[in-house]
Protein backbone atom coordinates (compact mmCIF):
# COMPACT_ATOMS: atom_id res chain seq x y z
CA MET A 1 -12.34 27.10 22.76
CA SER A 2 -9.65 24.84 21.29
CA ARG A 3 -6.08 25.96 20.77
CA LEU A 4 -6.83 26.25 16.84
CA HIS A 5 -9.34 28.90 17.34
CA GLN A 6 -7.27 30.54 19.54
CA ILE A 7 -4.24 31.00 17.10
CA GLU A 8 -6.87 31.82 14.49
CA THR A 9 -8.13 34.73 16.99
CA LEU A 10 -4.83 35.51 17.42
CA ALA A 11 -4.08 35.54 13.52
CA SER A 12 -7.01 37.80 13.15
CA VAL A 13 -5.81 40.54 15.40
CA GLY A 14 -2.38 40.43 13.57
CA ARG A 15 -4.36 41.09 10.31
CA HIS A 16 -6.53 43.95 11.41
CA GLY A 17 -4.18 45.32 14.34
CA SER A 18 -6.75 45.53 16.66
CA LEU A 19 -9.32 43.41 18.71
CA ALA A 20 -12.19 45.53 17.48
CA GLY A 21 -11.26 44.78 13.95
CA ALA A 22 -10.71 40.94 14.61
CA ALA A 23 -13.99 40.73 16.57
CA ARG A 24 -15.62 42.25 13.31
CA GLU A 25 -14.27 39.56 11.25
CA LEU A 26 -15.07 36.58 13.75
CA GLY A 27 -18.49 37.81 14.65
CA VAL A 28 -17.52 37.93 18.32
CA SER A 29 -17.53 41.00 21.08
CA SER A 30 -14.09 42.43 21.37
CA ALA A 31 -14.20 41.27 25.04
CA ALA A 32 -14.08 37.42 23.78
CA VAL A 33 -11.41 38.31 21.48
CA SER A 34 -9.36 39.60 24.43
CA LYS A 35 -10.53 36.87 26.47
CA GLN A 36 -9.02 34.01 24.05
CA ILE A 37 -5.52 35.86 23.72
CA SER A 38 -5.35 36.09 27.59
CA LYS A 39 -6.08 32.15 27.57
CA LEU A 40 -3.54 31.60 24.80
CA GLU A 41 -0.97 33.71 26.60
CA LYS A 42 -1.68 31.82 30.12
CA GLU A 43 -1.43 28.16 28.17
CA LEU A 44 1.92 29.43 26.20
CA GLY A 45 3.41 31.08 29.64
CA ILE A 46 4.26 34.22 27.46
CA GLN A 47 3.21 37.55 26.82
CA LEU A 48 2.02 38.00 23.47
CA LEU A 49 0.18 41.48 23.01
CA VAL A 50 1.07 44.81 24.71
CA ARG A 51 -2.14 46.11 25.39
CA THR A 52 -2.63 49.99 26.30
CA THR A 53 -5.65 52.61 25.86
CA ARG A 54 -3.96 54.13 22.62
CA LYS A 55 -2.83 50.96 20.74
CA LEU A 56 -2.20 47.14 20.73
CA ALA A 57 1.21 46.02 19.63
CA PHE A 58 2.95 42.40 19.67
CA THR A 59 5.70 41.71 21.51
CA ASP A 60 8.95 40.66 19.91
CA ILE A 61 8.24 36.85 21.14
CA GLY A 62 4.56 37.57 20.08
CA ALA A 63 5.47 38.27 16.63
CA ALA A 64 7.91 35.48 16.41
CA TYR A 65 5.04 33.58 17.31
CA LEU A 66 2.10 35.16 15.12
CA GLU A 67 4.60 34.42 12.06
CA GLN A 68 4.32 30.88 13.14
CA VAL A 69 0.61 30.90 13.21
CA HIS A 70 0.30 32.31 9.85
CA ARG A 71 2.65 29.34 8.06
CA ILE A 72 0.68 27.00 10.35
CA ILE A 73 -2.74 28.67 9.05
CA GLU A 74 -1.42 28.40 5.79
CA GLU A 75 -0.70 24.85 5.81
CA LEU A 76 -4.34 24.15 7.31
CA GLU A 77 -5.91 25.68 4.40
CA ALA A 78 -3.32 24.13 1.97
CA SER A 79 -4.58 20.72 3.52
CA LYS A 80 -8.21 21.88 3.21
CA ALA A 81 -7.69 22.66 -0.60
CA LEU A 82 -6.04 19.35 -1.13
CA VAL A 83 -8.74 17.26 0.50
CA SER A 84 -11.14 19.29 -1.34
CA GLN A 85 -9.69 18.48 -4.72
CA MET A 86 -9.27 14.63 -3.59
CA LYS A 87 -13.08 14.63 -2.91
CA ALA A 88 -13.50 15.82 -6.56
CA ILE A 89 -11.09 14.02 -8.41
CA PRO A 90 -9.82 10.60 -7.74
CA CYS A 91 -6.37 10.58 -7.09
CA GLY A 92 -3.48 9.07 -4.86
CA LYS A 93 -2.72 5.43 -4.61
CA LEU A 94 -4.85 2.76 -4.76
CA ARG A 95 -3.67 -0.69 -3.89
CA VAL A 96 -6.49 -3.64 -4.84
CA PHE A 97 -6.12 -7.04 -4.13
CA CYS A 98 -7.72 -9.45 -6.78
CA THR A 99 -8.48 -13.10 -7.31
CA PRO A 100 -6.45 -14.49 -10.45
CA HIS A 101 -9.57 -15.18 -12.54
CA PHE A 102 -11.62 -12.01 -11.43
CA ALA A 103 -8.38 -10.11 -12.28
CA SER A 104 -7.67 -11.91 -15.64
CA ARG A 105 -11.45 -11.54 -16.70
CA ILE A 106 -12.69 -8.53 -15.47
CA VAL A 107 -10.21 -5.88 -13.98
CA VAL A 108 -7.19 -6.55 -16.15
CA PRO A 109 -8.84 -6.39 -19.74
CA ASN A 110 -10.44 -3.02 -18.60
CA ILE A 111 -7.06 -1.11 -16.76
CA ALA A 112 -5.98 0.93 -19.56
CA GLU A 113 -9.51 2.75 -20.02
CA PHE A 114 -9.69 3.03 -16.06
CA LEU A 115 -6.06 4.93 -15.75
CA ASN A 116 -7.01 6.91 -19.27
CA LEU A 117 -10.23 7.99 -17.59
CA TYR A 118 -8.33 8.46 -13.94
CA PRO A 119 -4.42 9.49 -14.92
CA LYS A 120 -3.99 10.68 -11.04
CA ILE A 121 -4.70 7.31 -9.73
CA GLU A 122 -1.90 5.26 -9.10
CA LEU A 123 -2.85 1.59 -9.20
CA GLU A 124 -0.96 -0.77 -7.09
CA LEU A 125 -2.53 -4.63 -8.02
CA GLU A 126 -1.62 -7.66 -5.94
CA ILE A 127 -3.31 -11.09 -7.09
CA GLY A 128 -3.53 -14.04 -4.84
CA GLU A 129 -5.78 -16.53 -3.74
CA ARG A 130 -5.95 -16.16 0.10
CA ILE A 131 -7.44 -13.20 2.53
CA PRO A 132 -4.76 -10.52 2.73
CA HIS A 133 -4.01 -8.50 6.05
CA PHE A 134 -5.54 -5.46 4.96
CA GLU A 135 -3.83 -2.97 7.40
CA GLY A 136 -0.93 -4.79 7.32
CA GLU A 137 -0.70 -4.92 3.23
CA LYS A 138 -2.33 -1.63 2.77
CA ILE A 139 -4.99 -3.01 1.09
CA ASP A 140 -7.95 -0.25 0.09
CA VAL A 141 -10.00 -2.95 -1.73
CA MET A 142 -10.35 -6.82 -2.22
CA MET A 143 -12.21 -8.29 -5.23
CA GLY A 144 -13.32 -11.55 -6.53
CA ASN A 145 -13.62 -13.86 -3.47
CA SER A 146 -16.89 -15.76 -2.74
CA MET A 147 -15.91 -16.42 0.75
CA GLN A 148 -16.34 -14.40 4.02
CA ALA A 149 -13.03 -12.65 4.52
CA GLY A 150 -13.49 -11.90 8.22
CA SER A 151 -16.13 -10.26 10.56
CA ASP A 152 -14.13 -7.01 11.08
CA LEU A 153 -14.20 -6.25 7.44
CA VAL A 154 -17.06 -4.84 5.05
CA HIS A 155 -18.55 -7.30 2.40
CA ARG A 156 -20.64 -5.84 -0.40
CA ARG A 157 -22.27 -8.17 -2.97
CA LEU A 158 -20.70 -7.26 -6.34
CA LEU A 159 -22.20 -9.72 -8.41
CA THR A 160 -23.77 -13.44 -7.95
CA THR A 161 -22.53 -16.26 -10.25
CA ARG A 162 -23.46 -19.96 -10.00
CA TYR A 163 -20.95 -23.02 -9.46
CA ALA A 164 -20.27 -25.27 -12.46
CA ILE A 165 -19.35 -29.05 -12.19
CA CYS A 166 -17.57 -30.00 -14.88
CA ALA A 167 -14.59 -32.69 -16.22
CA ALA A 168 -13.14 -33.16 -19.68
CA PRO A 169 -14.25 -35.41 -21.85
CA SER A 170 -11.46 -37.47 -21.66
CA TYR A 171 -11.94 -38.13 -17.99
CA LEU A 172 -15.81 -39.01 -18.50
CA LYS A 173 -14.80 -41.23 -21.20
CA ARG A 174 -12.54 -43.36 -18.95
CA TYR A 175 -13.90 -43.37 -15.52
CA GLY A 176 -17.91 -42.84 -16.72
CA GLU A 177 -20.30 -40.08 -16.31
CA PRO A 178 -22.12 -39.80 -13.00
CA LYS A 179 -25.73 -40.28 -13.27
CA HIS A 180 -26.80 -38.99 -10.05
CA PHE A 181 -25.04 -36.45 -8.00
CA ASN A 182 -24.40 -38.76 -5.21
CA ASP A 183 -22.36 -40.65 -7.83
CA LEU A 184 -19.70 -38.21 -7.57
CA LYS A 185 -18.50 -39.46 -3.93
CA ASP A 186 -17.16 -42.29 -6.10
CA HIS A 187 -15.25 -40.03 -8.49
CA ARG A 188 -11.64 -38.11 -8.42
CA ILE A 189 -12.79 -34.49 -7.06
CA LEU A 190 -10.43 -31.99 -7.51
CA THR A 191 -10.87 -29.08 -4.83
CA HIS A 192 -9.27 -26.00 -3.36
CA ARG A 193 -7.59 -25.92 -0.06
CA MET A 194 -9.04 -22.60 0.71
CA ARG A 195 -12.74 -24.32 0.90
CA CYS A 196 -13.77 -25.17 4.40
CA PRO A 197 -14.69 -27.75 4.46
CA ASP A 198 -12.93 -28.88 1.30
CA ASN A 199 -14.28 -32.16 0.81
CA LEU A 200 -18.09 -31.14 -0.30
CA LEU A 201 -19.89 -30.31 -3.05
CA TYR A 202 -22.68 -28.25 -2.72
CA PHE A 203 -25.64 -28.05 -5.32
CA LYS A 204 -29.38 -26.16 -5.02
CA ASP A 205 -31.54 -26.78 -2.24
CA LYS A 206 -28.80 -27.23 0.24
CA LYS A 207 -27.87 -30.64 -1.47
CA LYS A 208 -24.47 -31.68 -1.10
CA VAL A 209 -22.06 -34.46 -1.59
CA ALA A 210 -19.23 -35.42 1.00
CA PHE A 211 -16.28 -37.11 -1.14
CA ALA A 212 -12.64 -37.76 -0.42
CA PRO A 213 -10.43 -35.37 -2.59
CA TYR A 214 -8.28 -37.06 -5.27
CA ILE A 215 -5.87 -33.58 -5.43
CA LYS A 216 -6.00 -30.22 -3.36
CA VAL A 217 -4.54 -27.40 -4.74
CA ASN A 218 -4.41 -23.53 -3.80
CA ASP A 219 -5.09 -22.02 -7.12
CA ALA A 220 -7.96 -21.84 -9.04
CA LYS A 221 -6.49 -21.88 -12.33
CA ILE A 222 -4.39 -25.18 -11.75
CA LEU A 223 -7.90 -27.02 -11.00
CA VAL A 224 -8.85 -25.73 -14.49
CA ASP A 225 -5.94 -26.91 -15.98
CA LEU A 226 -6.18 -30.45 -14.56
CA ALA A 227 -9.91 -30.52 -15.54
CA LEU A 228 -8.37 -29.95 -18.91
CA GLN A 229 -6.18 -32.67 -18.86
CA GLY A 230 -8.90 -35.36 -17.62
CA ILE A 231 -7.49 -35.66 -14.37
CA GLY A 232 -10.47 -35.17 -12.64
CA ILE A 233 -14.05 -33.41 -11.58
CA VAL A 234 -13.87 -29.96 -10.52
CA GLN A 235 -16.58 -27.40 -9.04
CA LEU A 236 -15.75 -24.15 -9.95
CA HIS A 237 -17.51 -20.24 -10.55
CA HIS A 238 -19.34 -20.70 -14.00
CA TYR A 239 -17.76 -17.31 -15.47
CA THR A 240 -14.09 -19.21 -14.75
CA VAL A 241 -14.86 -22.39 -17.21
CA LYS A 242 -17.32 -20.91 -19.57
CA LYS A 243 -14.96 -20.44 -22.34
CA TYR A 244 -14.03 -24.23 -22.15
CA LEU A 245 -17.76 -25.57 -21.96
CA GLN A 246 -18.47 -23.48 -24.78
CA SER A 247 -15.13 -25.22 -26.70
CA GLY A 248 -16.12 -28.44 -25.70
CA GLU A 249 -13.16 -28.84 -23.68
CA LEU A 250 -15.31 -29.23 -20.67
CA GLN A 251 -18.62 -30.95 -20.19
CA GLU A 252 -21.04 -29.84 -17.34
CA LEU A 253 -22.52 -32.08 -15.15
CA PHE A 254 -25.82 -31.57 -13.03
CA GLN A 255 -26.44 -28.01 -14.09
CA ASN A 256 -30.02 -28.38 -13.20
CA LEU A 257 -28.81 -28.87 -9.53
CA SER A 258 -26.09 -26.25 -9.56
CA GLN A 259 -26.00 -23.77 -6.93
CA ASP A 260 -26.98 -20.65 -8.99
CA ASP A 261 -26.70 -17.49 -6.36
CA VAL A 262 -22.91 -17.57 -5.36
CA PRO A 263 -21.88 -14.37 -3.93
CA ILE A 264 -18.75 -12.41 -5.71
CA TYR A 265 -17.67 -9.77 -2.95
CA VAL A 266 -16.25 -6.41 -2.96
CA VAL A 267 -14.32 -6.14 0.63
CA LEU A 268 -13.16 -3.25 2.45
CA PRO A 269 -11.82 -2.27 5.70
CA PRO A 270 -13.71 -0.88 8.01
CA ARG A 271 -13.89 2.91 7.78
CA LYS A 272 -16.62 5.85 8.34
CA TYR A 273 -16.17 6.93 4.77
CA THR A 274 -14.99 5.24 1.66
CA PRO A 275 -12.45 6.89 0.01
CA ARG A 276 -13.25 8.58 -3.71
CA LYS A 277 -10.52 6.55 -5.77
CA VAL A 278 -12.25 3.60 -4.17
CA ARG A 279 -15.63 4.10 -4.94
CA THR A 280 -14.38 5.37 -8.58
CA LEU A 281 -12.99 1.67 -9.09
CA ILE A 282 -16.00 -0.28 -7.88
CA ASP A 283 -18.32 1.93 -9.68
CA PHE A 284 -16.07 1.53 -12.76
CA ILE A 285 -15.99 -2.20 -12.42
CA ASP A 286 -20.07 -2.29 -11.84
CA GLU A 287 -20.17 -0.73 -15.13
CA LYS A 288 -18.28 -3.38 -17.08
CA LEU A 289 -19.91 -6.01 -15.48
CA HIS A 290 -23.32 -4.77 -16.68
CA SER A 291 -21.87 -4.82 -20.45
CA SER A 292 -19.94 -8.40 -20.25
CA ASP A 293 -20.50 -11.52 -21.19
CA LEU A 294 -19.46 -13.72 -18.42
CA SER A 295 -23.05 -15.17 -17.24
CA ILE A 296 -23.05 -13.34 -13.79
CA ARG A 297 -25.09 -11.05 -12.52
CA SER A 298 -24.09 -7.26 -11.27
CA CYS A 299 -25.66 -6.65 -7.69
CA GLN A 300 -24.60 -2.99 -7.40
CA ARG A 301 -27.92 -1.65 -9.03
CA SER A 302 -31.37 -2.33 -8.45
């Protein structure tokens, strides 16, 4: 039996003033109670109880130890109550790492509603286009990445989107519109430095085109800005450029060949259980994706 069970047995003896009373509460024999107390005394190297045929009493050191035991048990009960409350009500610090476009288009517009629904959550939002160090940075969940973040992490496909290859009308007027996807190798292609490799454009049916990058950057928003200025052609998630395609500021190329099953992941550190606060955020974002108009498909529901 563990030390915790031994001190709980001692506390029961203290409450009832007898081995028999403790035995009834614990559902064991008086002999079993006596045996556990004796083991505890042996491990501590002190006498906790004075046993006679007429009465049972705590020694001075036993009474002092019992007082500490009561405090320990009270703390344990308080801890159990806290855990139960945290299971029932999402609370505590929630550190979320998001890619910029996913944050600005999906997360940030819904933060106020989320915190109104779950006011006990303390949200910390880190924005970046990199793979964070989950343990070192104490990240609870990462959202918005389409690349695998590491074999030791848990990846869940939150949604799918498609890639859109696009350019500004001013670029196409100046350099001409490619007629075949292989023509892209002769154009000014802007690419993201995180892509590996960063010199390939992918299409459906495993088609791809190698190119010499005209500009490499580490920020998808900058890629959009450069494309809008007519500097080059980009391949980005459709939801990040949808409004520019609709306004005519960008023009999509080879839409019929676009890779249309691009995963967007929720990434979690390896845990036996997903904390309630994390699960609550994922479910909330999933609900918003279902009601959004971003040309993306949620994958959390069948």
